[in-house]
Amino acid sequence: MTSVSSTSVSSSEPAAGSAKRQVWFPDTSALVTLAVHLPLQRAVVATLSAHWLVLVKAVVAELEGLATTSDTTATWAGTALGQLDWLGKPVPLNDPASTELAVRVQEEIAAGRPLKHEMEHFGEAAIISLASRAQIVRPLMLCDDYDARVAAKNRDVEPFSVHKLMHLMIKQGKLTATEAAAFADALHQAGRAQDYTAEELASGRLVRVGQP
């Protein structure tokens, strides 16, 4: 596991001809999804730990806020808080402009819906604010919130749902389609996502995926 500071993410342009290194930003919704099924969480950790990782401090705060609610995901949020060691030290938003953008993105994701707690969607928004300024790296956001993925894509941050990541893991030979289907079934049984077949996960032909 390699964690990255906010300074590293937004520093100067890379040398000519150099490829941008991937940096993964797991968001609140994805970490909640991973908390549902420990074998899936372990498989994702094994895959992503080879890459640079950024845990944004606002994601931790959002998990803490969610864990205090009566929402059905509160227990999973509490579990997720105990599974953060692989992501390294949380990175804060370190300037007023980043915070201001994050607030705007939070409002965009909420789309007029009342917040369940004051930090709802702010973890995703903070990731988008930080990652959208990346220059020497290629930011990837692991996110199971559809509206947040749209907001990320609109700001040149490539989003992956957990199911799309499973498809990538199949392509890379790190997971079989049968294993992925079993993981997807566990998420479906928990009410975290609709069900997907091994064929759908292997092909990547997935309809709208994810929950807040």
N, C-alpha and C. Protein backbone atom coordinates (compact mmCIF):
# COMPACT_ATOMS: atom_id res chain seq x y z
N MET A 1 0.84 -1.19 0.00
CA MET A 1 0.00 0.00 0.00
C MET A 1 0.87 1.24 0.00
N THR A 2 0.54 2.20 -0.87
CA THR A 2 1.25 3.47 -0.90
C THR A 2 0.24 4.59 -0.80
N SER A 3 0.28 5.36 0.26
CA SER A 3 -0.63 6.49 0.39
C SER A 3 0.03 7.71 -0.22
N VAL A 4 -0.78 8.69 -0.61
CA VAL A 4 -0.31 9.86 -1.33
C VAL A 4 -0.85 11.10 -0.64
N SER A 5 -0.01 12.11 -0.51
CA SER A 5 -0.45 13.37 0.09
C SER A 5 -1.20 14.21 -0.93
N SER A 6 -1.96 15.20 -0.44
CA SER A 6 -2.68 16.10 -1.34
C SER A 6 -1.70 16.91 -2.17
N THR A 7 -0.51 17.20 -1.64
CA THR A 7 0.51 17.93 -2.40
C THR A 7 0.97 17.11 -3.59
N SER A 8 1.16 15.80 -3.38
CA SER A 8 1.62 14.94 -4.47
C SER A 8 0.59 14.89 -5.58
N VAL A 9 -0.68 14.86 -5.24
CA VAL A 9 -1.72 14.73 -6.24
C VAL A 9 -1.77 15.93 -7.15
N SER A 10 -1.53 17.12 -6.63
CA SER A 10 -1.73 18.33 -7.41
C SER A 10 -0.44 19.06 -7.77
N SER A 11 0.70 18.37 -7.75
CA SER A 11 1.96 19.02 -8.05
C SER A 11 2.17 19.17 -9.55
N SER A 12 3.40 19.51 -9.96
CA SER A 12 3.66 19.94 -11.32
C SER A 12 3.45 18.85 -12.36
N GLU A 13 3.45 19.24 -13.63
CA GLU A 13 3.20 18.33 -14.73
C GLU A 13 4.32 17.28 -14.83
N PRO A 14 3.99 16.08 -15.33
CA PRO A 14 5.02 15.05 -15.49
C PRO A 14 5.94 15.38 -16.64
N ALA A 15 7.09 14.72 -16.66
CA ALA A 15 8.03 14.91 -17.76
C ALA A 15 7.41 14.42 -19.06
N ALA A 16 7.85 15.00 -20.17
CA ALA A 16 7.30 14.64 -21.48
C ALA A 16 7.46 13.15 -21.73
N GLY A 17 6.38 12.53 -22.20
CA GLY A 17 6.42 11.12 -22.56
C GLY A 17 6.17 10.17 -21.41
N SER A 18 6.10 10.66 -20.19
CA SER A 18 5.88 9.77 -19.05
C SER A 18 4.39 9.48 -18.88
N ALA A 19 4.10 8.26 -18.46
CA ALA A 19 2.71 7.86 -18.24
C ALA A 19 2.28 8.28 -16.85
N LYS A 20 1.02 8.69 -16.73
CA LYS A 20 0.51 9.08 -15.43
C LYS A 20 0.18 7.83 -14.61
N ARG A 21 0.63 7.84 -13.38
CA ARG A 21 0.38 6.70 -12.50
C ARG A 21 -1.03 6.79 -11.90
N GLN A 22 -1.69 5.65 -11.81
CA GLN A 22 -3.04 5.61 -11.24
C GLN A 22 -3.01 5.86 -9.74
N VAL A 23 -3.96 6.65 -9.29
CA VAL A 23 -4.18 6.85 -7.86
C VAL A 23 -5.66 6.61 -7.58
N TRP A 24 -5.93 5.71 -6.67
CA TRP A 24 -7.31 5.35 -6.34
C TRP A 24 -7.79 6.12 -5.11
N PHE A 25 -9.00 6.63 -5.22
CA PHE A 25 -9.67 7.35 -4.13
C PHE A 25 -10.94 6.57 -3.76
N PRO A 26 -10.92 5.70 -2.77
CA PRO A 26 -12.16 5.03 -2.36
C PRO A 26 -13.08 6.01 -1.62
N ASP A 27 -14.35 6.01 -1.98
CA ASP A 27 -15.27 6.94 -1.34
C ASP A 27 -16.11 6.23 -0.29
N THR A 28 -16.95 7.00 0.37
CA THR A 28 -17.77 6.49 1.47
C THR A 28 -18.65 5.33 1.02
N SER A 29 -19.36 5.52 -0.08
CA SER A 29 -20.31 4.49 -0.53
C SER A 29 -19.60 3.18 -0.88
N ALA A 30 -18.43 3.26 -1.50
CA ALA A 30 -17.69 2.05 -1.85
C ALA A 30 -17.17 1.34 -0.61
N LEU A 31 -16.68 2.10 0.36
CA LEU A 31 -16.18 1.48 1.59
C LEU A 31 -17.32 0.82 2.37
N VAL A 32 -18.50 1.41 2.32
CA VAL A 32 -19.68 0.78 2.93
C VAL A 32 -20.00 -0.53 2.21
N THR A 33 -19.97 -0.51 0.88
CA THR A 33 -20.23 -1.73 0.11
C THR A 33 -19.23 -2.82 0.47
N LEU A 34 -17.96 -2.47 0.56
CA LEU A 34 -16.94 -3.47 0.89
C LEU A 34 -17.13 -4.04 2.29
N ALA A 35 -17.67 -3.22 3.19
CA ALA A 35 -17.90 -3.67 4.56
C ALA A 35 -18.99 -4.72 4.66
N VAL A 36 -19.81 -4.83 3.63
CA VAL A 36 -20.92 -5.79 3.64
C VAL A 36 -20.40 -7.23 3.60
N HIS A 37 -19.29 -7.45 2.87
CA HIS A 37 -18.83 -8.82 2.61
C HIS A 37 -17.31 -8.87 2.71
N LEU A 38 -16.81 -9.45 3.79
CA LEU A 38 -15.38 -9.43 4.08
C LEU A 38 -14.53 -10.09 2.98
N PRO A 39 -14.95 -11.23 2.39
CA PRO A 39 -14.13 -11.80 1.31
C PRO A 39 -13.95 -10.84 0.13
N LEU A 40 -15.00 -10.09 -0.21
CA LEU A 40 -14.88 -9.09 -1.27
C LEU A 40 -13.93 -7.98 -0.85
N GLN A 41 -14.06 -7.52 0.38
CA GLN A 41 -13.18 -6.46 0.86
C GLN A 41 -11.72 -6.88 0.78
N ARG A 42 -11.44 -8.12 1.18
CA ARG A 42 -10.06 -8.61 1.15
C ARG A 42 -9.55 -8.71 -0.28
N ALA A 43 -10.40 -9.13 -1.21
CA ALA A 43 -9.99 -9.25 -2.61
C ALA A 43 -9.68 -7.88 -3.21
N VAL A 44 -10.49 -6.88 -2.88
CA VAL A 44 -10.27 -5.53 -3.38
C VAL A 44 -9.00 -4.93 -2.77
N VAL A 45 -8.80 -5.13 -1.49
CA VAL A 45 -7.58 -4.65 -0.84
C VAL A 45 -6.34 -5.25 -1.51
N ALA A 46 -6.39 -6.56 -1.78
CA ALA A 46 -5.25 -7.22 -2.42
C ALA A 46 -4.96 -6.64 -3.80
N THR A 47 -6.01 -6.26 -4.51
CA THR A 47 -5.84 -5.71 -5.86
C THR A 47 -5.35 -4.26 -5.83
N LEU A 48 -5.99 -3.44 -5.02
CA LEU A 48 -5.67 -2.01 -5.05
C LEU A 48 -4.43 -1.64 -4.25
N SER A 49 -3.99 -2.49 -3.35
CA SER A 49 -2.83 -2.16 -2.53
C SER A 49 -1.54 -2.04 -3.33
N ALA A 50 -1.57 -2.53 -4.58
CA ALA A 50 -0.41 -2.38 -5.45
C ALA A 50 -0.33 -0.97 -6.03
N HIS A 51 -1.37 -0.18 -5.85
CA HIS A 51 -1.44 1.16 -6.43
C HIS A 51 -1.30 2.23 -5.36
N TRP A 52 -1.09 3.46 -5.79
CA TRP A 52 -1.18 4.59 -4.88
C TRP A 52 -2.64 4.74 -4.45
N LEU A 53 -2.83 5.08 -3.18
CA LEU A 53 -4.17 5.20 -2.59
C LEU A 53 -4.27 6.50 -1.82
N VAL A 54 -5.44 7.11 -1.87
CA VAL A 54 -5.70 8.31 -1.08
C VAL A 54 -6.99 8.13 -0.31
N LEU A 55 -6.92 8.23 1.01
CA LEU A 55 -8.09 8.28 1.86
C LEU A 55 -8.31 9.74 2.25
N VAL A 56 -9.37 10.32 1.76
CA VAL A 56 -9.66 11.72 2.06
C VAL A 56 -10.33 11.81 3.43
N LYS A 57 -9.87 12.75 4.23
CA LYS A 57 -10.34 12.87 5.61
C LYS A 57 -11.85 13.03 5.69
N ALA A 58 -12.44 13.71 4.71
CA ALA A 58 -13.89 13.90 4.71
C ALA A 58 -14.64 12.58 4.56
N VAL A 59 -14.03 11.59 3.94
CA VAL A 59 -14.66 10.27 3.83
C VAL A 59 -14.78 9.63 5.21
N VAL A 60 -13.74 9.76 6.01
CA VAL A 60 -13.79 9.24 7.38
C VAL A 60 -14.88 9.95 8.17
N ALA A 61 -14.95 11.27 8.03
CA ALA A 61 -15.97 12.04 8.75
C ALA A 61 -17.37 11.64 8.30
N GLU A 62 -17.54 11.38 7.00
CA GLU A 62 -18.86 10.98 6.51
C GLU A 62 -19.24 9.60 7.05
N LEU A 63 -18.27 8.68 7.09
CA LEU A 63 -18.54 7.37 7.68
C LEU A 63 -18.94 7.50 9.14
N GLU A 64 -18.24 8.36 9.87
CA GLU A 64 -18.56 8.58 11.28
C GLU A 64 -19.96 9.14 11.43
N GLY A 65 -20.33 10.08 10.57
CA GLY A 65 -21.69 10.63 10.62
C GLY A 65 -22.73 9.60 10.28
N LEU A 66 -22.48 8.80 9.25
CA LEU A 66 -23.43 7.76 8.85
C LEU A 66 -23.61 6.71 9.93
N ALA A 67 -22.54 6.39 10.64
CA ALA A 67 -22.59 5.36 11.68
C ALA A 67 -23.48 5.77 12.85
N THR A 68 -23.77 7.06 13.00
CA THR A 68 -24.61 7.53 14.11
C THR A 68 -26.08 7.62 13.75
N THR A 69 -26.42 7.36 12.48
CA THR A 69 -27.80 7.50 12.03
C THR A 69 -28.58 6.21 12.25
N SER A 70 -29.87 6.28 11.95
CA SER A 70 -30.72 5.08 12.00
C SER A 70 -30.83 4.44 10.63
N ASP A 71 -30.04 4.90 9.68
CA ASP A 71 -30.05 4.36 8.33
C ASP A 71 -29.61 2.89 8.35
N THR A 72 -30.10 2.13 7.38
CA THR A 72 -29.75 0.71 7.33
C THR A 72 -28.26 0.47 7.09
N THR A 73 -27.58 1.48 6.58
CA THR A 73 -26.15 1.33 6.31
C THR A 73 -25.27 1.72 7.50
N ALA A 74 -25.87 2.13 8.60
CA ALA A 74 -25.10 2.61 9.75
C ALA A 74 -24.15 1.54 10.28
N THR A 75 -24.61 0.32 10.39
CA THR A 75 -23.76 -0.75 10.91
C THR A 75 -22.59 -1.01 9.97
N TRP A 76 -22.84 -1.00 8.68
CA TRP A 76 -21.76 -1.20 7.71
C TRP A 76 -20.76 -0.05 7.76
N ALA A 77 -21.27 1.16 7.99
CA ALA A 77 -20.35 2.30 8.12
C ALA A 77 -19.43 2.10 9.31
N GLY A 78 -19.97 1.61 10.41
CA GLY A 78 -19.15 1.32 11.58
C GLY A 78 -18.10 0.26 11.28
N THR A 79 -18.51 -0.76 10.54
CA THR A 79 -17.56 -1.80 10.13
C THR A 79 -16.47 -1.21 9.25
N ALA A 80 -16.86 -0.36 8.31
CA ALA A 80 -15.90 0.26 7.39
C ALA A 80 -14.86 1.09 8.14
N LEU A 81 -15.28 1.75 9.20
CA LEU A 81 -14.34 2.56 9.98
C LEU A 81 -13.23 1.71 10.59
N GLY A 82 -13.50 0.44 10.81
CA GLY A 82 -12.49 -0.46 11.34
C GLY A 82 -11.65 -1.13 10.27
N GLN A 83 -11.88 -0.78 9.00
CA GLN A 83 -11.19 -1.43 7.89
C GLN A 83 -10.36 -0.44 7.05
N LEU A 84 -9.92 0.65 7.65
CA LEU A 84 -9.27 1.71 6.88
C LEU A 84 -7.74 1.68 6.89
N ASP A 85 -7.15 0.77 7.64
CA ASP A 85 -5.69 0.79 7.80
C ASP A 85 -4.95 0.68 6.48
N TRP A 86 -5.49 -0.06 5.53
CA TRP A 86 -4.80 -0.29 4.25
C TRP A 86 -4.71 0.98 3.41
N LEU A 87 -5.46 2.02 3.78
CA LEU A 87 -5.51 3.25 2.98
C LEU A 87 -4.56 4.33 3.47
N GLY A 88 -3.91 4.12 4.59
CA GLY A 88 -2.95 5.10 5.07
C GLY A 88 -3.60 6.27 5.81
N LYS A 89 -2.80 7.28 6.08
CA LYS A 89 -3.26 8.44 6.85
C LYS A 89 -4.23 9.28 6.02
N PRO A 90 -5.36 9.68 6.59
CA PRO A 90 -6.32 10.49 5.84
C PRO A 90 -5.74 11.84 5.43
N VAL A 91 -6.10 12.27 4.23
CA VAL A 91 -5.61 13.52 3.65
C VAL A 91 -6.72 14.58 3.73
N PRO A 92 -6.44 15.76 4.30
CA PRO A 92 -7.47 16.80 4.38
C PRO A 92 -7.48 17.65 3.11
N LEU A 93 -8.60 18.35 2.88
CA LEU A 93 -8.61 19.43 1.90
C LEU A 93 -7.82 20.57 2.53
N ASN A 94 -6.83 21.09 1.82
CA ASN A 94 -5.89 21.99 2.47
C ASN A 94 -5.95 23.44 2.01
N ASP A 95 -7.03 23.82 1.33
CA ASP A 95 -7.15 25.23 0.96
C ASP A 95 -8.63 25.59 0.80
N PRO A 96 -8.96 26.87 1.00
CA PRO A 96 -10.36 27.30 0.93
C PRO A 96 -11.03 27.03 -0.41
N ALA A 97 -10.29 27.14 -1.51
CA ALA A 97 -10.88 26.92 -2.82
C ALA A 97 -11.34 25.47 -2.98
N SER A 98 -10.55 24.53 -2.46
CA SER A 98 -10.92 23.12 -2.52
C SER A 98 -12.17 22.85 -1.70
N THR A 99 -12.24 23.45 -0.51
CA THR A 99 -13.41 23.28 0.35
C THR A 99 -14.65 23.87 -0.30
N GLU A 100 -14.49 25.05 -0.91
CA GLU A 100 -15.62 25.71 -1.57
C GLU A 100 -16.15 24.85 -2.72
N LEU A 101 -15.25 24.27 -3.52
CA LEU A 101 -15.67 23.40 -4.61
C LEU A 101 -16.36 22.16 -4.07
N ALA A 102 -15.83 21.59 -2.99
CA ALA A 102 -16.44 20.40 -2.40
C ALA A 102 -17.86 20.68 -1.94
N VAL A 103 -18.09 21.83 -1.36
CA VAL A 103 -19.44 22.20 -0.91
C VAL A 103 -20.38 22.28 -2.11
N ARG A 104 -19.91 22.86 -3.22
CA ARG A 104 -20.74 22.96 -4.42
C ARG A 104 -21.06 21.57 -4.99
N VAL A 105 -20.06 20.70 -4.99
CA VAL A 105 -20.28 19.35 -5.51
C VAL A 105 -21.23 18.57 -4.60
N GLN A 106 -21.10 18.75 -3.30
CA GLN A 106 -22.02 18.10 -2.35
C GLN A 106 -23.46 18.50 -2.66
N GLU A 107 -23.69 19.77 -2.91
CA GLU A 107 -25.03 20.25 -3.25
C GLU A 107 -25.50 19.66 -4.57
N GLU A 108 -24.58 19.53 -5.51
CA GLU A 108 -24.91 18.95 -6.82
C GLU A 108 -25.33 17.50 -6.68
N ILE A 109 -24.59 16.74 -5.88
CA ILE A 109 -24.91 15.32 -5.69
C ILE A 109 -26.24 15.16 -4.96
N ALA A 110 -26.46 16.00 -3.95
CA ALA A 110 -27.71 15.93 -3.18
C ALA A 110 -28.91 16.28 -4.05
N ALA A 111 -28.72 17.16 -5.03
CA ALA A 111 -29.77 17.52 -5.99
C ALA A 111 -31.07 17.94 -5.30
N GLY A 112 -30.94 18.74 -4.25
CA GLY A 112 -32.11 19.26 -3.57
C GLY A 112 -32.70 18.34 -2.51
N ARG A 113 -32.20 17.11 -2.42
CA ARG A 113 -32.70 16.20 -1.39
C ARG A 113 -32.11 16.57 -0.03
N PRO A 114 -32.91 16.50 1.05
CA PRO A 114 -32.36 16.83 2.37
C PRO A 114 -31.28 15.83 2.78
N LEU A 115 -30.23 16.33 3.45
CA LEU A 115 -29.15 15.47 3.89
C LEU A 115 -29.56 14.68 5.13
N LYS A 116 -29.18 13.41 5.19
CA LYS A 116 -29.47 12.58 6.36
C LYS A 116 -28.60 12.98 7.54
N HIS A 117 -27.42 13.51 7.26
CA HIS A 117 -26.52 14.09 8.27
C HIS A 117 -25.66 15.10 7.53
N GLU A 118 -25.03 16.01 8.23
CA GLU A 118 -24.38 17.15 7.57
C GLU A 118 -23.23 16.76 6.66
N MET A 119 -22.64 15.58 6.88
CA MET A 119 -21.50 15.16 6.06
C MET A 119 -21.92 14.27 4.88
N GLU A 120 -23.21 14.02 4.73
CA GLU A 120 -23.64 13.16 3.63
C GLU A 120 -23.18 13.74 2.29
N HIS A 121 -22.60 12.88 1.46
CA HIS A 121 -22.07 13.23 0.13
C HIS A 121 -20.79 14.07 0.18
N PHE A 122 -20.38 14.53 1.36
CA PHE A 122 -19.21 15.41 1.38
C PHE A 122 -17.91 14.63 1.16
N GLY A 123 -17.89 13.35 1.52
CA GLY A 123 -16.71 12.54 1.25
C GLY A 123 -16.46 12.44 -0.25
N GLU A 124 -17.51 12.09 -1.01
CA GLU A 124 -17.39 12.02 -2.46
C GLU A 124 -17.02 13.38 -3.05
N ALA A 125 -17.67 14.43 -2.53
CA ALA A 125 -17.42 15.78 -3.04
C ALA A 125 -15.98 16.21 -2.79
N ALA A 126 -15.44 15.87 -1.63
CA ALA A 126 -14.06 16.23 -1.31
C ALA A 126 -13.08 15.48 -2.22
N ILE A 127 -13.37 14.22 -2.51
CA ILE A 127 -12.53 13.47 -3.43
C ILE A 127 -12.51 14.14 -4.80
N ILE A 128 -13.69 14.48 -5.30
CA ILE A 128 -13.79 15.11 -6.62
C ILE A 128 -13.04 16.43 -6.64
N SER A 129 -13.17 17.22 -5.57
CA SER A 129 -12.48 18.50 -5.49
C SER A 129 -10.97 18.31 -5.55
N LEU A 130 -10.45 17.34 -4.80
CA LEU A 130 -9.00 17.09 -4.78
C LEU A 130 -8.52 16.43 -6.06
N ALA A 131 -9.22 15.37 -6.48
CA ALA A 131 -8.77 14.59 -7.63
C ALA A 131 -8.87 15.36 -8.94
N SER A 132 -9.82 16.26 -9.05
CA SER A 132 -10.00 17.00 -10.30
C SER A 132 -8.84 17.96 -10.57
N ARG A 133 -8.01 18.22 -9.55
CA ARG A 133 -6.85 19.09 -9.73
C ARG A 133 -5.56 18.31 -9.97
N ALA A 134 -5.68 16.99 -10.06
CA ALA A 134 -4.50 16.15 -10.25
C ALA A 134 -3.82 16.47 -11.57
N GLN A 135 -2.49 16.52 -11.53
CA GLN A 135 -1.72 16.83 -12.73
C GLN A 135 -0.72 15.72 -13.08
N ILE A 136 -0.03 15.18 -12.09
CA ILE A 136 1.00 14.19 -12.40
C ILE A 136 0.49 12.76 -12.24
N VAL A 137 -0.77 12.57 -11.85
CA VAL A 137 -1.32 11.24 -11.66
C VAL A 137 -2.68 11.16 -12.35
N ARG A 138 -3.15 9.94 -12.54
CA ARG A 138 -4.47 9.69 -13.11
C ARG A 138 -5.41 9.28 -11.98
N PRO A 139 -6.35 10.15 -11.59
CA PRO A 139 -7.22 9.84 -10.46
C PRO A 139 -8.37 8.91 -10.84
N LEU A 140 -8.59 7.90 -10.02
CA LEU A 140 -9.69 6.96 -10.18
C LEU A 140 -10.48 6.94 -8.87
N MET A 141 -11.79 7.12 -8.95
CA MET A 141 -12.61 7.13 -7.75
C MET A 141 -13.44 5.85 -7.67
N LEU A 142 -13.25 5.09 -6.60
CA LEU A 142 -14.07 3.90 -6.36
C LEU A 142 -15.32 4.36 -5.64
N CYS A 143 -16.47 4.23 -6.30
CA CYS A 143 -17.67 4.91 -5.82
C CYS A 143 -18.92 4.12 -6.19
N ASP A 144 -19.79 3.88 -5.23
CA ASP A 144 -21.05 3.19 -5.49
C ASP A 144 -22.25 4.12 -5.47
N ASP A 145 -22.02 5.41 -5.54
CA ASP A 145 -23.10 6.40 -5.61
C ASP A 145 -23.18 6.90 -7.05
N TYR A 146 -24.27 6.58 -7.74
CA TYR A 146 -24.38 6.91 -9.17
C TYR A 146 -24.24 8.40 -9.42
N ASP A 147 -24.93 9.23 -8.64
CA ASP A 147 -24.88 10.68 -8.85
C ASP A 147 -23.47 11.22 -8.63
N ALA A 148 -22.76 10.66 -7.66
CA ALA A 148 -21.38 11.09 -7.43
C ALA A 148 -20.48 10.68 -8.59
N ARG A 149 -20.75 9.51 -9.18
CA ARG A 149 -19.95 9.10 -10.34
C ARG A 149 -20.16 10.04 -11.52
N VAL A 150 -21.39 10.49 -11.70
CA VAL A 150 -21.68 11.46 -12.77
C VAL A 150 -20.92 12.75 -12.52
N ALA A 151 -20.95 13.24 -11.28
CA ALA A 151 -20.25 14.48 -10.93
C ALA A 151 -18.75 14.33 -11.14
N ALA A 152 -18.21 13.15 -10.82
CA ALA A 152 -16.78 12.90 -11.01
C ALA A 152 -16.42 12.90 -12.50
N LYS A 153 -17.21 12.19 -13.29
CA LYS A 153 -16.95 12.10 -14.72
C LYS A 153 -16.98 13.47 -15.37
N ASN A 154 -17.88 14.32 -14.91
CA ASN A 154 -17.99 15.67 -15.46
C ASN A 154 -16.75 16.53 -15.16
N ARG A 155 -15.94 16.07 -14.20
CA ARG A 155 -14.74 16.83 -13.82
C ARG A 155 -13.47 16.03 -14.09
N ASP A 156 -13.55 15.13 -15.06
CA ASP A 156 -12.39 14.37 -15.53
C ASP A 156 -11.77 13.47 -14.47
N VAL A 157 -12.59 12.99 -13.55
CA VAL A 157 -12.16 11.98 -12.59
C VAL A 157 -12.88 10.69 -12.97
N GLU A 158 -12.12 9.64 -13.28
CA GLU A 158 -12.75 8.41 -13.76
C GLU A 158 -13.33 7.60 -12.60
N PRO A 159 -14.65 7.37 -12.61
CA PRO A 159 -15.26 6.63 -11.51
C PRO A 159 -15.43 5.14 -11.83
N PHE A 160 -15.27 4.32 -10.83
CA PHE A 160 -15.52 2.88 -10.92
C PHE A 160 -16.47 2.48 -9.80
N SER A 161 -17.57 1.81 -10.14
CA SER A 161 -18.35 1.16 -9.10
C SER A 161 -17.59 -0.07 -8.63
N VAL A 162 -17.99 -0.63 -7.50
CA VAL A 162 -17.34 -1.85 -7.02
C VAL A 162 -17.53 -2.98 -8.04
N HIS A 163 -18.71 -3.04 -8.67
CA HIS A 163 -18.95 -4.08 -9.67
C HIS A 163 -18.08 -3.88 -10.91
N LYS A 164 -17.87 -2.63 -11.32
CA LYS A 164 -16.98 -2.37 -12.46
C LYS A 164 -15.54 -2.75 -12.10
N LEU A 165 -15.16 -2.52 -10.85
CA LEU A 165 -13.83 -2.95 -10.41
C LEU A 165 -13.73 -4.46 -10.46
N MET A 166 -14.78 -5.17 -10.07
CA MET A 166 -14.75 -6.63 -10.16
C MET A 166 -14.57 -7.08 -11.60
N HIS A 167 -15.21 -6.40 -12.55
CA HIS A 167 -15.02 -6.70 -13.96
C HIS A 167 -13.54 -6.52 -14.34
N LEU A 168 -12.94 -5.43 -13.89
CA LEU A 168 -11.53 -5.17 -14.16
C LEU A 168 -10.65 -6.27 -13.56
N MET A 169 -10.99 -6.71 -12.35
CA MET A 169 -10.23 -7.76 -11.69
C MET A 169 -10.33 -9.08 -12.46
N ILE A 170 -11.50 -9.34 -13.05
CA ILE A 170 -11.65 -10.53 -13.89
C ILE A 170 -10.74 -10.44 -15.10
N LYS A 171 -10.73 -9.28 -15.76
CA LYS A 171 -9.89 -9.08 -16.94
C LYS A 171 -8.41 -9.23 -16.61
N GLN A 172 -8.03 -8.84 -15.40
CA GLN A 172 -6.63 -8.92 -14.99
C GLN A 172 -6.26 -10.29 -14.42
N GLY A 173 -7.22 -11.20 -14.35
CA GLY A 173 -6.95 -12.53 -13.83
C GLY A 173 -6.83 -12.61 -12.32
N LYS A 174 -7.33 -11.61 -11.64
CA LYS A 174 -7.24 -11.58 -10.18
C LYS A 174 -8.50 -12.11 -9.51
N LEU A 175 -9.51 -12.41 -10.33
CA LEU A 175 -10.79 -12.88 -9.83
C LEU A 175 -11.45 -13.67 -10.96
N THR A 176 -12.09 -14.77 -10.63
CA THR A 176 -12.84 -15.48 -11.67
C THR A 176 -14.24 -14.90 -11.75
N ALA A 177 -14.90 -15.12 -12.86
CA ALA A 177 -16.27 -14.64 -13.02
C ALA A 177 -17.19 -15.29 -11.99
N THR A 178 -16.93 -16.56 -11.67
CA THR A 178 -17.74 -17.26 -10.68
C THR A 178 -17.58 -16.64 -9.30
N GLU A 179 -16.32 -16.30 -8.94
CA GLU A 179 -16.07 -15.64 -7.65
C GLU A 179 -16.75 -14.27 -7.61
N ALA A 180 -16.65 -13.53 -8.71
CA ALA A 180 -17.26 -12.21 -8.76
C ALA A 180 -18.78 -12.31 -8.61
N ALA A 181 -19.38 -13.32 -9.26
CA ALA A 181 -20.83 -13.50 -9.16
C ALA A 181 -21.24 -13.82 -7.72
N ALA A 182 -20.42 -14.57 -7.01
CA ALA A 182 -20.71 -14.88 -5.62
C ALA A 182 -20.64 -13.62 -4.76
N PHE A 183 -19.65 -12.77 -5.03
CA PHE A 183 -19.55 -11.49 -4.32
C PHE A 183 -20.77 -10.62 -4.63
N ALA A 184 -21.14 -10.56 -5.91
CA ALA A 184 -22.29 -9.75 -6.31
C ALA A 184 -23.57 -10.26 -5.66
N ASP A 185 -23.69 -11.57 -5.53
CA ASP A 185 -24.88 -12.15 -4.90
C ASP A 185 -24.94 -11.76 -3.42
N ALA A 186 -23.79 -11.74 -2.75
CA ALA A 186 -23.77 -11.34 -1.34
C ALA A 186 -24.22 -9.89 -1.19
N LEU A 187 -23.80 -9.00 -2.09
CA LEU A 187 -24.23 -7.60 -2.04
C LEU A 187 -25.71 -7.49 -2.34
N HIS A 188 -26.19 -8.29 -3.28
CA HIS A 188 -27.62 -8.28 -3.61
C HIS A 188 -28.45 -8.75 -2.42
N GLN A 189 -28.03 -9.82 -1.79
CA GLN A 189 -28.76 -10.36 -0.63
C GLN A 189 -28.81 -9.35 0.51
N ALA A 190 -27.79 -8.52 0.61
CA ALA A 190 -27.75 -7.48 1.65
C ALA A 190 -28.54 -6.24 1.26
N GLY A 191 -29.07 -6.20 0.03
CA GLY A 191 -29.81 -5.05 -0.44
C GLY A 191 -28.93 -3.90 -0.89
N ARG A 192 -27.66 -4.23 -1.15
CA ARG A 192 -26.71 -3.18 -1.52
C ARG A 192 -26.66 -2.93 -3.02
N ALA A 193 -27.09 -3.89 -3.81
CA ALA A 193 -27.06 -3.75 -5.27
C ALA A 193 -27.99 -4.78 -5.88
N GLN A 194 -28.36 -4.57 -7.14
CA GLN A 194 -29.11 -5.59 -7.84
C GLN A 194 -28.18 -6.75 -8.16
N ASP A 195 -28.76 -7.87 -8.57
CA ASP A 195 -27.94 -9.05 -8.82
C ASP A 195 -27.35 -8.99 -10.22
N TYR A 196 -26.16 -9.56 -10.36
CA TYR A 196 -25.49 -9.64 -11.66
C TYR A 196 -24.98 -11.05 -11.85
N THR A 197 -25.05 -11.52 -13.09
CA THR A 197 -24.57 -12.86 -13.40
C THR A 197 -23.07 -12.84 -13.65
N ALA A 198 -22.49 -14.03 -13.65
CA ALA A 198 -21.07 -14.15 -13.96
C ALA A 198 -20.79 -13.61 -15.37
N GLU A 199 -21.70 -13.87 -16.30
CA GLU A 199 -21.52 -13.41 -17.68
C GLU A 199 -21.52 -11.88 -17.75
N GLU A 200 -22.45 -11.25 -17.03
CA GLU A 200 -22.50 -9.79 -17.03
C GLU A 200 -21.24 -9.18 -16.43
N LEU A 201 -20.78 -9.75 -15.36
CA LEU A 201 -19.57 -9.22 -14.72
C LEU A 201 -18.34 -9.44 -15.59
N ALA A 202 -18.28 -10.56 -16.28
CA ALA A 202 -17.14 -10.83 -17.15
C ALA A 202 -17.14 -9.92 -18.37
N SER A 203 -18.33 -9.62 -18.90
CA SER A 203 -18.44 -8.79 -20.10
C SER A 203 -18.32 -7.30 -19.78
N GLY A 204 -18.66 -6.92 -18.54
CA GLY A 204 -18.67 -5.51 -18.18
C GLY A 204 -19.94 -4.81 -18.59
N ARG A 205 -20.90 -5.54 -19.14
CA ARG A 205 -22.18 -4.93 -19.54
C ARG A 205 -23.09 -4.84 -18.33
N LEU A 206 -22.84 -3.82 -17.52
CA LEU A 206 -23.57 -3.63 -16.28
C LEU A 206 -24.48 -2.41 -16.41
N VAL A 207 -25.73 -2.58 -16.04
CA VAL A 207 -26.63 -1.44 -16.01
C VAL A 207 -26.28 -0.61 -14.79
N ARG A 208 -27.01 0.47 -14.59
CA ARG A 208 -26.72 1.40 -13.50
C ARG A 208 -26.47 0.68 -12.19
N VAL A 209 -25.33 0.95 -11.60
CA VAL A 209 -24.87 0.25 -10.39
C VAL A 209 -24.76 1.21 -9.23
N GLY A 210 -25.16 0.74 -8.05
CA GLY A 210 -24.74 1.44 -6.84
C GLY A 210 -25.83 2.06 -6.00
N GLN A 211 -25.47 2.27 -4.76
CA GLN A 211 -26.33 2.88 -3.76
C GLN A 211 -25.53 3.98 -3.07
N PRO A 212 -26.22 4.99 -2.50
CA PRO A 212 -25.48 6.03 -1.74
C PRO A 212 -24.76 5.42 -0.55
